[in-house]
Amino acid sequence: MREIFKFIFKIITIIIYRPKIIGAENVPKEGNAIICANHVHFWDSVVIIVMLKRKVNVLAKEELFKPKFNKWFAGVIGAYPVKRGTADLGAVKTSLKLMENKELLLVFPEGTRNGVAKGKKAKKGSVMIAATSESPIIPIGVQGTFKPFTKVTLNIGKPIDYSVYKNETKDKAKMDELAQELMTEIIKLRDEKKERKA
């Protein structure tokens, strides 16, 4: 079922946004990793999920799961609810389980669409999960306005190793610092212009 939906949405995505992938080789063919991207539009998560070859799970705000169809569809595509603005232990446990199972997890550190532009601080959850589970983070800069029939580019950076911070996850200042550094790298990828093809 998931593969059928992925195929359908991939066709729709290609027609509407003509996505270009740069740095596809930076996504490991196997093993666990957290994918962190800037959040531009509702559809950016869909573009990442359908354009990467591997299965990508995603954390999404809890409100999206309330209609029964949305809840069912979220289960099909591998989306898990997270309570924004709180320490959601359920989301943490789910994330750690996915890392244990050697899967990919998509997280938006901004916590909301265009969070950086709104002056929001990057959320530290992704770096804490990465450090705790000794998982790499793969930064992605999403380029594009998501207006229909305009190009969208995923600029994928090299994996960042957070295993060295495993014993510092309770240091909130350090985690905040790492989260901000990660967001800076993501924005750099977002604004970077490249001509090479992945």
N, C-alpha and C. Protein backbone atom coordinates (compact mmCIF):
# COMPACT_ATOMS: atom_id res chain seq x y z
N MET A 1 0.83 -1.21 0.00
CA MET A 1 0.00 0.00 0.00
C MET A 1 0.87 1.26 0.00
N ARG A 2 1.89 1.26 0.86
CA ARG A 2 2.78 2.43 0.95
C ARG A 2 3.45 2.71 -0.39
N GLU A 3 3.94 1.65 -1.04
CA GLU A 3 4.65 1.84 -2.31
C GLU A 3 3.72 2.37 -3.41
N ILE A 4 2.45 1.96 -3.36
CA ILE A 4 1.48 2.45 -4.34
C ILE A 4 1.26 3.95 -4.16
N PHE A 5 1.05 4.36 -2.90
CA PHE A 5 0.86 5.79 -2.62
C PHE A 5 2.11 6.58 -2.96
N LYS A 6 3.27 6.02 -2.66
CA LYS A 6 4.53 6.70 -2.95
C LYS A 6 4.67 6.92 -4.46
N PHE A 7 4.32 5.90 -5.24
CA PHE A 7 4.41 6.02 -6.70
C PHE A 7 3.46 7.10 -7.22
N ILE A 8 2.22 7.10 -6.71
CA ILE A 8 1.23 8.08 -7.16
C ILE A 8 1.67 9.50 -6.84
N PHE A 9 2.12 9.71 -5.59
CA PHE A 9 2.54 11.05 -5.18
C PHE A 9 3.84 11.46 -5.85
N LYS A 10 4.66 10.51 -6.21
CA LYS A 10 5.89 10.85 -6.94
C LYS A 10 5.55 11.40 -8.32
N ILE A 11 4.60 10.79 -8.98
CA ILE A 11 4.16 11.28 -10.30
C ILE A 11 3.60 12.69 -10.19
N ILE A 12 2.74 12.89 -9.17
CA ILE A 12 2.15 14.22 -8.95
C ILE A 12 3.24 15.25 -8.67
N THR A 13 4.20 14.87 -7.82
CA THR A 13 5.29 15.76 -7.46
C THR A 13 6.13 16.15 -8.67
N ILE A 14 6.45 15.17 -9.50
CA ILE A 14 7.26 15.43 -10.69
C ILE A 14 6.54 16.38 -11.64
N ILE A 15 5.23 16.20 -11.80
CA ILE A 15 4.45 17.06 -12.69
C ILE A 15 4.40 18.49 -12.18
N ILE A 16 4.17 18.65 -10.88
CA ILE A 16 3.95 19.98 -10.31
C ILE A 16 5.25 20.73 -10.02
N TYR A 17 6.29 19.99 -9.53
CA TYR A 17 7.48 20.69 -9.04
C TYR A 17 8.79 20.36 -9.76
N ARG A 18 8.78 19.39 -10.66
CA ARG A 18 10.00 19.03 -11.40
C ARG A 18 11.22 18.95 -10.47
N PRO A 19 11.15 18.17 -9.38
CA PRO A 19 12.21 18.18 -8.37
C PRO A 19 13.57 17.74 -8.88
N LYS A 20 14.60 18.41 -8.39
CA LYS A 20 15.99 18.09 -8.69
C LYS A 20 16.66 17.68 -7.39
N ILE A 21 17.40 16.59 -7.42
CA ILE A 21 18.09 16.09 -6.24
C ILE A 21 19.59 16.29 -6.41
N ILE A 22 20.21 16.97 -5.48
CA ILE A 22 21.66 17.17 -5.47
C ILE A 22 22.21 16.48 -4.23
N GLY A 23 23.24 15.65 -4.40
CA GLY A 23 23.86 14.96 -3.27
C GLY A 23 23.14 13.72 -2.81
N ALA A 24 22.44 13.05 -3.72
CA ALA A 24 21.71 11.83 -3.36
C ALA A 24 22.63 10.77 -2.75
N GLU A 25 23.91 10.81 -3.13
CA GLU A 25 24.87 9.83 -2.62
C GLU A 25 25.13 9.99 -1.12
N ASN A 26 24.69 11.11 -0.55
CA ASN A 26 24.89 11.34 0.88
C ASN A 26 23.86 10.63 1.76
N VAL A 27 22.83 10.07 1.13
CA VAL A 27 21.84 9.28 1.88
C VAL A 27 22.31 7.82 1.86
N PRO A 28 22.62 7.25 3.04
CA PRO A 28 23.13 5.87 3.07
C PRO A 28 22.12 4.87 2.52
N LYS A 29 22.62 3.86 1.84
CA LYS A 29 21.74 2.85 1.26
C LYS A 29 21.12 1.96 2.34
N GLU A 30 21.75 1.93 3.49
CA GLU A 30 21.20 1.16 4.62
C GLU A 30 21.67 1.79 5.92
N GLY A 31 21.05 1.39 7.02
CA GLY A 31 21.41 1.92 8.32
C GLY A 31 20.55 3.11 8.73
N ASN A 32 20.60 3.44 10.02
CA ASN A 32 19.76 4.50 10.57
C ASN A 32 20.36 5.88 10.36
N ALA A 33 19.49 6.86 10.20
CA ALA A 33 19.90 8.25 10.08
C ALA A 33 18.68 9.14 10.26
N ILE A 34 18.94 10.37 10.71
CA ILE A 34 17.88 11.36 10.84
C ILE A 34 18.06 12.39 9.74
N ILE A 35 17.03 12.62 8.97
CA ILE A 35 17.06 13.62 7.92
C ILE A 35 16.46 14.91 8.47
N CYS A 36 17.21 16.00 8.40
CA CYS A 36 16.74 17.28 8.91
C CYS A 36 16.73 18.31 7.78
N ALA A 37 15.59 18.94 7.58
CA ALA A 37 15.44 19.90 6.49
C ALA A 37 14.74 21.16 6.96
N ASN A 38 14.91 22.23 6.20
CA ASN A 38 14.11 23.44 6.46
C ASN A 38 12.68 23.18 6.01
N HIS A 39 11.75 23.85 6.66
CA HIS A 39 10.32 23.60 6.42
C HIS A 39 9.71 24.79 5.68
N VAL A 40 9.40 24.59 4.41
CA VAL A 40 8.89 25.66 3.56
C VAL A 40 7.39 25.59 3.38
N HIS A 41 6.89 24.36 3.19
CA HIS A 41 5.52 24.16 2.73
C HIS A 41 5.07 22.77 3.18
N PHE A 42 3.77 22.56 3.22
CA PHE A 42 3.24 21.23 3.57
C PHE A 42 3.84 20.16 2.68
N TRP A 43 4.02 20.47 1.40
CA TRP A 43 4.41 19.47 0.42
C TRP A 43 5.90 19.11 0.49
N ASP A 44 6.73 19.88 1.23
CA ASP A 44 8.16 19.56 1.22
C ASP A 44 8.44 18.20 1.84
N SER A 45 7.66 17.81 2.84
CA SER A 45 7.85 16.48 3.41
C SER A 45 7.49 15.40 2.39
N VAL A 46 6.45 15.66 1.61
CA VAL A 46 6.05 14.71 0.57
C VAL A 46 7.14 14.55 -0.47
N VAL A 47 7.74 15.67 -0.90
CA VAL A 47 8.81 15.63 -1.90
C VAL A 47 9.97 14.78 -1.40
N ILE A 48 10.37 14.99 -0.15
CA ILE A 48 11.48 14.22 0.41
C ILE A 48 11.13 12.73 0.49
N ILE A 49 9.94 12.43 0.97
CA ILE A 49 9.53 11.03 1.14
C ILE A 49 9.48 10.29 -0.19
N VAL A 50 8.92 10.93 -1.22
CA VAL A 50 8.74 10.22 -2.50
C VAL A 50 9.97 10.23 -3.39
N MET A 51 10.85 11.23 -3.22
CA MET A 51 11.99 11.32 -4.12
C MET A 51 13.22 10.56 -3.63
N LEU A 52 13.28 10.25 -2.34
CA LEU A 52 14.38 9.42 -1.86
C LEU A 52 14.02 7.95 -2.06
N LYS A 53 15.00 7.15 -2.41
CA LYS A 53 14.75 5.75 -2.75
C LYS A 53 14.34 4.93 -1.54
N ARG A 54 14.89 5.24 -0.37
CA ARG A 54 14.57 4.47 0.83
C ARG A 54 13.27 4.96 1.48
N LYS A 55 12.71 4.10 2.31
CA LYS A 55 11.54 4.47 3.10
C LYS A 55 11.94 5.57 4.09
N VAL A 56 11.15 6.63 4.14
CA VAL A 56 11.41 7.73 5.06
C VAL A 56 10.21 7.91 5.98
N ASN A 57 10.41 7.77 7.27
CA ASN A 57 9.37 8.05 8.26
C ASN A 57 9.44 9.53 8.61
N VAL A 58 8.36 10.08 9.14
CA VAL A 58 8.35 11.51 9.43
C VAL A 58 7.57 11.80 10.72
N LEU A 59 8.05 12.79 11.48
CA LEU A 59 7.31 13.28 12.63
C LEU A 59 6.47 14.47 12.18
N ALA A 60 5.19 14.48 12.52
CA ALA A 60 4.29 15.56 12.10
C ALA A 60 3.47 16.03 13.30
N LYS A 61 3.02 17.28 13.24
CA LYS A 61 2.26 17.84 14.37
C LYS A 61 1.00 17.03 14.62
N GLU A 62 0.68 16.87 15.88
CA GLU A 62 -0.42 16.02 16.33
C GLU A 62 -1.76 16.39 15.70
N GLU A 63 -1.97 17.69 15.47
CA GLU A 63 -3.26 18.16 14.93
C GLU A 63 -3.62 17.54 13.59
N LEU A 64 -2.60 17.15 12.81
CA LEU A 64 -2.85 16.58 11.48
C LEU A 64 -3.46 15.19 11.54
N PHE A 65 -3.43 14.56 12.72
CA PHE A 65 -3.88 13.17 12.84
C PHE A 65 -5.33 13.04 13.32
N LYS A 66 -5.98 14.15 13.61
CA LYS A 66 -7.32 14.09 14.21
C LYS A 66 -8.39 13.55 13.27
N PRO A 67 -8.51 14.01 12.02
CA PRO A 67 -9.49 13.37 11.13
C PRO A 67 -9.12 11.91 10.91
N LYS A 68 -10.09 11.02 10.88
CA LYS A 68 -9.83 9.59 10.77
C LYS A 68 -9.05 9.24 9.50
N PHE A 69 -9.40 9.88 8.38
CA PHE A 69 -8.69 9.58 7.14
C PHE A 69 -7.22 9.97 7.26
N ASN A 70 -6.96 11.15 7.85
CA ASN A 70 -5.57 11.60 8.03
C ASN A 70 -4.78 10.61 8.88
N LYS A 71 -5.40 10.11 9.92
CA LYS A 71 -4.74 9.16 10.81
C LYS A 71 -4.40 7.89 10.06
N TRP A 72 -5.35 7.42 9.25
CA TRP A 72 -5.11 6.21 8.45
C TRP A 72 -4.01 6.45 7.43
N PHE A 73 -4.08 7.59 6.74
CA PHE A 73 -3.09 7.91 5.71
C PHE A 73 -1.70 8.08 6.31
N ALA A 74 -1.64 8.68 7.50
CA ALA A 74 -0.35 8.87 8.18
C ALA A 74 0.30 7.52 8.47
N GLY A 75 -0.53 6.55 8.86
CA GLY A 75 0.00 5.22 9.11
C GLY A 75 0.55 4.58 7.86
N VAL A 76 -0.10 4.83 6.74
CA VAL A 76 0.34 4.27 5.47
C VAL A 76 1.70 4.82 5.05
N ILE A 77 1.89 6.13 5.20
CA ILE A 77 3.13 6.75 4.73
C ILE A 77 4.25 6.76 5.77
N GLY A 78 3.93 6.34 7.00
CA GLY A 78 4.97 6.29 8.03
C GLY A 78 5.14 7.59 8.77
N ALA A 79 4.03 8.26 9.11
CA ALA A 79 4.09 9.52 9.87
C ALA A 79 3.68 9.25 11.32
N TYR A 80 4.35 9.94 12.23
CA TYR A 80 4.09 9.77 13.66
C TYR A 80 3.80 11.12 14.30
N PRO A 81 2.81 11.18 15.19
CA PRO A 81 2.43 12.48 15.79
C PRO A 81 3.41 12.98 16.83
N VAL A 82 3.56 14.29 16.91
CA VAL A 82 4.39 14.91 17.93
C VAL A 82 3.66 16.13 18.46
N LYS A 83 3.70 16.31 19.79
CA LYS A 83 3.07 17.47 20.41
C LYS A 83 4.05 18.64 20.37
N ARG A 84 3.69 19.68 19.66
CA ARG A 84 4.58 20.82 19.55
C ARG A 84 4.60 21.62 20.85
N GLY A 85 5.79 22.12 21.18
CA GLY A 85 5.92 22.97 22.36
C GLY A 85 5.99 22.22 23.67
N THR A 86 6.09 20.88 23.61
CA THR A 86 6.19 20.08 24.83
C THR A 86 7.28 19.03 24.66
N ALA A 87 7.68 18.45 25.78
CA ALA A 87 8.63 17.35 25.72
C ALA A 87 7.83 16.07 25.49
N ASP A 88 7.63 15.71 24.24
CA ASP A 88 6.79 14.57 23.89
C ASP A 88 7.60 13.27 23.98
N LEU A 89 7.45 12.58 25.12
CA LEU A 89 8.21 11.36 25.35
C LEU A 89 7.83 10.26 24.36
N GLY A 90 6.56 10.26 23.93
CA GLY A 90 6.11 9.27 22.95
C GLY A 90 6.86 9.41 21.64
N ALA A 91 7.03 10.65 21.19
CA ALA A 91 7.75 10.91 19.94
C ALA A 91 9.22 10.53 20.08
N VAL A 92 9.78 10.79 21.26
CA VAL A 92 11.18 10.44 21.52
C VAL A 92 11.36 8.92 21.44
N LYS A 93 10.45 8.18 22.10
CA LYS A 93 10.54 6.72 22.10
C LYS A 93 10.38 6.17 20.68
N THR A 94 9.44 6.76 19.92
CA THR A 94 9.24 6.32 18.53
C THR A 94 10.50 6.56 17.71
N SER A 95 11.10 7.74 17.89
CA SER A 95 12.31 8.09 17.14
C SER A 95 13.45 7.14 17.46
N LEU A 96 13.65 6.86 18.74
CA LEU A 96 14.72 5.96 19.15
C LEU A 96 14.48 4.53 18.63
N LYS A 97 13.21 4.12 18.60
CA LYS A 97 12.88 2.79 18.08
C LYS A 97 13.19 2.70 16.59
N LEU A 98 12.88 3.76 15.86
CA LEU A 98 13.18 3.78 14.42
C LEU A 98 14.68 3.72 14.18
N MET A 99 15.44 4.41 15.02
CA MET A 99 16.90 4.36 14.89
C MET A 99 17.43 2.96 15.21
N GLU A 100 16.84 2.34 16.22
CA GLU A 100 17.22 0.98 16.59
C GLU A 100 16.94 0.00 15.46
N ASN A 101 15.86 0.28 14.71
CA ASN A 101 15.48 -0.58 13.59
C ASN A 101 16.19 -0.23 12.28
N LYS A 102 17.18 0.68 12.37
CA LYS A 102 18.01 1.06 11.21
C LYS A 102 17.20 1.73 10.11
N GLU A 103 16.26 2.60 10.50
CA GLU A 103 15.43 3.28 9.53
C GLU A 103 15.81 4.76 9.38
N LEU A 104 15.15 5.43 8.46
CA LEU A 104 15.34 6.86 8.26
C LEU A 104 14.17 7.61 8.87
N LEU A 105 14.46 8.74 9.50
CA LEU A 105 13.43 9.57 10.12
C LEU A 105 13.61 11.01 9.66
N LEU A 106 12.54 11.62 9.19
CA LEU A 106 12.56 13.01 8.75
C LEU A 106 12.04 13.92 9.87
N VAL A 107 12.83 14.94 10.20
CA VAL A 107 12.44 15.90 11.24
C VAL A 107 12.71 17.31 10.72
N PHE A 108 11.82 18.24 11.05
CA PHE A 108 12.02 19.65 10.70
C PHE A 108 12.41 20.41 11.96
N PRO A 109 13.70 20.72 12.14
CA PRO A 109 14.16 21.39 13.37
C PRO A 109 13.53 22.76 13.62
N GLU A 110 13.01 23.40 12.56
CA GLU A 110 12.36 24.70 12.74
C GLU A 110 11.09 24.57 13.57
N GLY A 111 10.47 23.39 13.52
CA GLY A 111 9.25 23.16 14.30
C GLY A 111 8.00 23.72 13.67
N THR A 112 8.14 24.57 12.69
CA THR A 112 7.00 25.17 11.99
C THR A 112 7.49 25.65 10.63
N ARG A 113 6.59 25.97 9.76
CA ARG A 113 7.00 26.44 8.42
C ARG A 113 7.70 27.79 8.52
N ASN A 114 8.84 27.87 7.83
CA ASN A 114 9.63 29.12 7.79
C ASN A 114 9.93 29.65 9.19
N GLY A 115 10.27 28.73 10.08
CA GLY A 115 10.55 29.11 11.46
C GLY A 115 11.70 30.08 11.61
N VAL A 116 12.77 29.89 10.83
CA VAL A 116 13.92 30.78 10.90
C VAL A 116 13.52 32.21 10.52
N ALA A 117 12.75 32.33 9.46
CA ALA A 117 12.29 33.65 9.01
C ALA A 117 11.41 34.33 10.06
N LYS A 118 10.74 33.51 10.87
CA LYS A 118 9.87 34.04 11.93
C LYS A 118 10.63 34.30 13.22
N GLY A 119 11.95 34.05 13.20
CA GLY A 119 12.76 34.29 14.38
C GLY A 119 12.73 33.17 15.40
N LYS A 120 12.26 31.98 14.99
CA LYS A 120 12.18 30.85 15.92
C LYS A 120 13.54 30.19 16.09
N LYS A 121 13.83 29.74 17.31
CA LYS A 121 15.06 28.98 17.57
C LYS A 121 14.87 27.55 17.09
N ALA A 122 15.95 26.96 16.59
CA ALA A 122 15.90 25.57 16.16
C ALA A 122 15.62 24.66 17.35
N LYS A 123 14.76 23.67 17.15
CA LYS A 123 14.45 22.71 18.20
C LYS A 123 15.62 21.73 18.36
N LYS A 124 15.93 21.35 19.59
CA LYS A 124 17.08 20.50 19.85
C LYS A 124 16.77 19.00 19.82
N GLY A 125 15.50 18.65 19.60
CA GLY A 125 15.11 17.24 19.64
C GLY A 125 15.89 16.34 18.70
N SER A 126 16.12 16.80 17.47
CA SER A 126 16.79 15.96 16.48
C SER A 126 18.23 15.66 16.87
N VAL A 127 18.95 16.67 17.38
CA VAL A 127 20.35 16.43 17.76
C VAL A 127 20.42 15.56 19.02
N MET A 128 19.44 15.69 19.91
CA MET A 128 19.41 14.85 21.11
C MET A 128 19.18 13.39 20.74
N ILE A 129 18.25 13.15 19.82
CA ILE A 129 17.98 11.78 19.36
C ILE A 129 19.21 11.23 18.65
N ALA A 130 19.84 12.06 17.81
CA ALA A 130 21.02 11.62 17.07
C ALA A 130 22.15 11.24 18.02
N ALA A 131 22.37 12.07 19.03
CA ALA A 131 23.44 11.81 19.99
C ALA A 131 23.14 10.57 20.83
N THR A 132 21.91 10.48 21.31
CA THR A 132 21.51 9.34 22.15
C THR A 132 21.63 8.01 21.42
N SER A 133 21.19 7.99 20.16
CA SER A 133 21.18 6.76 19.37
C SER A 133 22.44 6.58 18.55
N GLU A 134 23.37 7.54 18.65
CA GLU A 134 24.61 7.52 17.87
C GLU A 134 24.31 7.41 16.37
N SER A 135 23.34 8.20 15.95
CA SER A 135 22.91 8.22 14.56
C SER A 135 23.40 9.49 13.86
N PRO A 136 23.74 9.40 12.59
CA PRO A 136 24.12 10.61 11.86
C PRO A 136 22.90 11.42 11.49
N ILE A 137 23.10 12.71 11.29
CA ILE A 137 22.04 13.56 10.75
C ILE A 137 22.43 13.95 9.34
N ILE A 138 21.48 13.82 8.43
CA ILE A 138 21.69 14.22 7.04
C ILE A 138 20.94 15.52 6.80
N PRO A 139 21.65 16.64 6.65
CA PRO A 139 20.97 17.93 6.44
C PRO A 139 20.50 18.08 5.00
N ILE A 140 19.33 18.65 4.82
CA ILE A 140 18.82 18.93 3.47
C ILE A 140 18.33 20.37 3.40
N GLY A 141 18.82 21.07 2.41
CA GLY A 141 18.32 22.41 2.14
C GLY A 141 17.27 22.34 1.05
N VAL A 142 16.04 22.66 1.40
CA VAL A 142 14.94 22.64 0.42
C VAL A 142 14.87 24.00 -0.26
N GLN A 143 15.07 24.00 -1.57
CA GLN A 143 15.07 25.24 -2.34
C GLN A 143 13.80 25.31 -3.19
N GLY A 144 13.10 26.43 -3.12
CA GLY A 144 11.90 26.60 -3.94
C GLY A 144 10.78 27.27 -3.16
N THR A 145 9.82 27.81 -3.90
CA THR A 145 8.69 28.51 -3.28
C THR A 145 7.48 27.62 -3.13
N PHE A 146 7.48 26.48 -3.84
CA PHE A 146 6.36 25.54 -3.86
C PHE A 146 5.12 26.13 -4.52
N LYS A 147 5.32 27.14 -5.35
CA LYS A 147 4.22 27.58 -6.21
C LYS A 147 4.08 26.54 -7.32
N PRO A 148 2.85 26.21 -7.73
CA PRO A 148 2.66 25.17 -8.74
C PRO A 148 3.48 25.41 -10.00
N PHE A 149 4.10 24.34 -10.48
CA PHE A 149 4.87 24.32 -11.72
C PHE A 149 6.15 25.16 -11.66
N THR A 150 6.68 25.32 -10.44
CA THR A 150 8.01 25.90 -10.27
C THR A 150 8.94 24.80 -9.74
N LYS A 151 10.23 24.93 -10.01
CA LYS A 151 11.18 23.88 -9.64
C LYS A 151 11.47 23.88 -8.14
N VAL A 152 11.58 22.68 -7.60
CA VAL A 152 12.00 22.48 -6.22
C VAL A 152 13.27 21.63 -6.23
N THR A 153 14.25 22.04 -5.44
CA THR A 153 15.52 21.31 -5.36
C THR A 153 15.78 20.85 -3.93
N LEU A 154 16.22 19.61 -3.79
CA LEU A 154 16.68 19.09 -2.51
C LEU A 154 18.20 19.04 -2.57
N ASN A 155 18.85 19.90 -1.80
CA ASN A 155 20.31 19.94 -1.74
C ASN A 155 20.75 19.17 -0.50
N ILE A 156 21.22 17.95 -0.68
CA ILE A 156 21.52 17.04 0.43
C ILE A 156 22.99 17.13 0.82
N GLY A 157 23.21 17.48 2.08
CA GLY A 157 24.57 17.60 2.59
C GLY A 157 25.13 16.28 3.11
N LYS A 158 26.38 16.30 3.46
CA LYS A 158 27.04 15.10 3.99
C LYS A 158 26.55 14.81 5.41
N PRO A 159 26.50 13.53 5.79
CA PRO A 159 26.06 13.16 7.14
C PRO A 159 26.94 13.79 8.22
N ILE A 160 26.31 14.20 9.31
CA ILE A 160 27.02 14.79 10.45
C ILE A 160 26.97 13.81 11.61
N ASP A 161 28.13 13.49 12.18
CA ASP A 161 28.22 12.52 13.26
C ASP A 161 27.99 13.20 14.62
N TYR A 162 27.00 12.72 15.36
CA TYR A 162 26.70 13.27 16.68
C TYR A 162 27.00 12.29 17.81
N SER A 163 27.61 11.15 17.47
CA SER A 163 27.87 10.13 18.48
C SER A 163 28.81 10.63 19.58
N VAL A 164 29.68 11.58 19.24
CA VAL A 164 30.64 12.11 20.23
C VAL A 164 29.94 12.89 21.34
N TYR A 165 28.67 13.23 21.13
CA TYR A 165 27.93 14.02 22.12
C TYR A 165 26.98 13.16 22.95
N LYS A 166 27.16 11.84 22.90
CA LYS A 166 26.23 10.94 23.58
C LYS A 166 26.11 11.22 25.07
N ASN A 167 27.21 11.62 25.71
CA ASN A 167 27.20 11.87 27.14
C ASN A 167 26.86 13.32 27.50
N GLU A 168 26.45 14.11 26.49
CA GLU A 168 26.15 15.52 26.74
C GLU A 168 24.70 15.88 26.45
N THR A 169 23.84 14.87 26.29
CA THR A 169 22.45 15.14 25.91
C THR A 169 21.66 15.88 26.98
N LYS A 170 22.11 15.83 28.23
CA LYS A 170 21.41 16.54 29.30
C LYS A 170 21.90 17.98 29.46
N ASP A 171 22.92 18.32 28.68
CA ASP A 171 23.45 19.69 28.69
C ASP A 171 22.62 20.52 27.71
N LYS A 172 21.59 21.20 28.22
CA LYS A 172 20.66 21.91 27.35
C LYS A 172 21.35 22.99 26.51
N ALA A 173 22.31 23.68 27.11
CA ALA A 173 23.02 24.74 26.39
C ALA A 173 23.78 24.15 25.20
N LYS A 174 24.42 22.99 25.42
CA LYS A 174 25.17 22.35 24.34
C LYS A 174 24.24 21.86 23.25
N MET A 175 23.12 21.27 23.63
CA MET A 175 22.16 20.79 22.65
C MET A 175 21.57 21.94 21.84
N ASP A 176 21.28 23.06 22.50
CA ASP A 176 20.78 24.24 21.80
C ASP A 176 21.82 24.75 20.80
N GLU A 177 23.08 24.72 21.23
CA GLU A 177 24.17 25.18 20.35
C GLU A 177 24.28 24.29 19.12
N LEU A 178 24.22 22.98 19.34
CA LEU A 178 24.31 22.04 18.22
C LEU A 178 23.11 22.18 17.28
N ALA A 179 21.93 22.40 17.85
CA ALA A 179 20.72 22.57 17.03
C ALA A 179 20.84 23.80 16.15
N GLN A 180 21.39 24.88 16.71
CA GLN A 180 21.55 26.10 15.93
C GLN A 180 22.60 25.92 14.84
N GLU A 181 23.67 25.21 15.15
CA GLU A 181 24.71 24.93 14.15
C GLU A 181 24.13 24.10 13.01
N LEU A 182 23.29 23.11 13.37
CA LEU A 182 22.64 22.28 12.36
C LEU A 182 21.74 23.12 11.47
N MET A 183 20.95 24.00 12.08
CA MET A 183 20.05 24.85 11.30
C MET A 183 20.82 25.78 10.37
N THR A 184 21.96 26.26 10.83
CA THR A 184 22.81 27.12 10.00
C THR A 184 23.30 26.35 8.77
N GLU A 185 23.69 25.08 8.97
CA GLU A 185 24.14 24.25 7.86
C GLU A 185 22.99 23.99 6.87
N ILE A 186 21.79 23.76 7.39
CA ILE A 186 20.63 23.52 6.53
C ILE A 186 20.32 24.76 5.70
N ILE A 187 20.36 25.93 6.31
CA ILE A 187 20.09 27.18 5.59
C ILE A 187 21.17 27.43 4.54
N LYS A 188 22.42 27.07 4.86
CA LYS A 188 23.51 27.19 3.90
C LYS A 188 23.23 26.34 2.66
N LEU A 189 22.77 25.12 2.89
CA LEU A 189 22.42 24.22 1.78
C LEU A 189 21.22 24.76 1.01
N ARG A 190 20.28 25.35 1.73
CA ARG A 190 19.10 25.93 1.08
C ARG A 190 19.48 27.05 0.12
N ASP A 191 20.46 27.85 0.52
CA ASP A 191 20.83 29.03 -0.27
C ASP A 191 21.95 28.77 -1.27
N GLU A 192 22.49 27.55 -1.23
CA GLU A 192 23.62 27.23 -2.10
C GLU A 192 23.15 26.93 -3.52
N LYS A 193 23.88 27.40 -4.50
CA LYS A 193 23.55 27.16 -5.89
C LYS A 193 24.57 26.20 -6.49
N LYS A 194 24.08 25.10 -7.04
CA LYS A 194 24.97 24.11 -7.66
C LYS A 194 24.43 23.73 -9.03
N GLU A 195 25.35 23.42 -9.92
CA GLU A 195 24.95 23.02 -11.26
C GLU A 195 25.12 21.53 -11.49
N ARG A 196 25.90 20.87 -10.62
CA ARG A 196 26.15 19.45 -10.83
C ARG A 196 24.88 18.64 -10.58
N LYS A 197 24.79 17.49 -11.19
CA LYS A 197 23.64 16.61 -11.02
C LYS A 197 24.02 15.46 -10.11
N ALA A 198 23.02 15.04 -9.31
CA ALA A 198 23.28 13.91 -8.40
C ALA A 198 23.25 12.61 -9.20
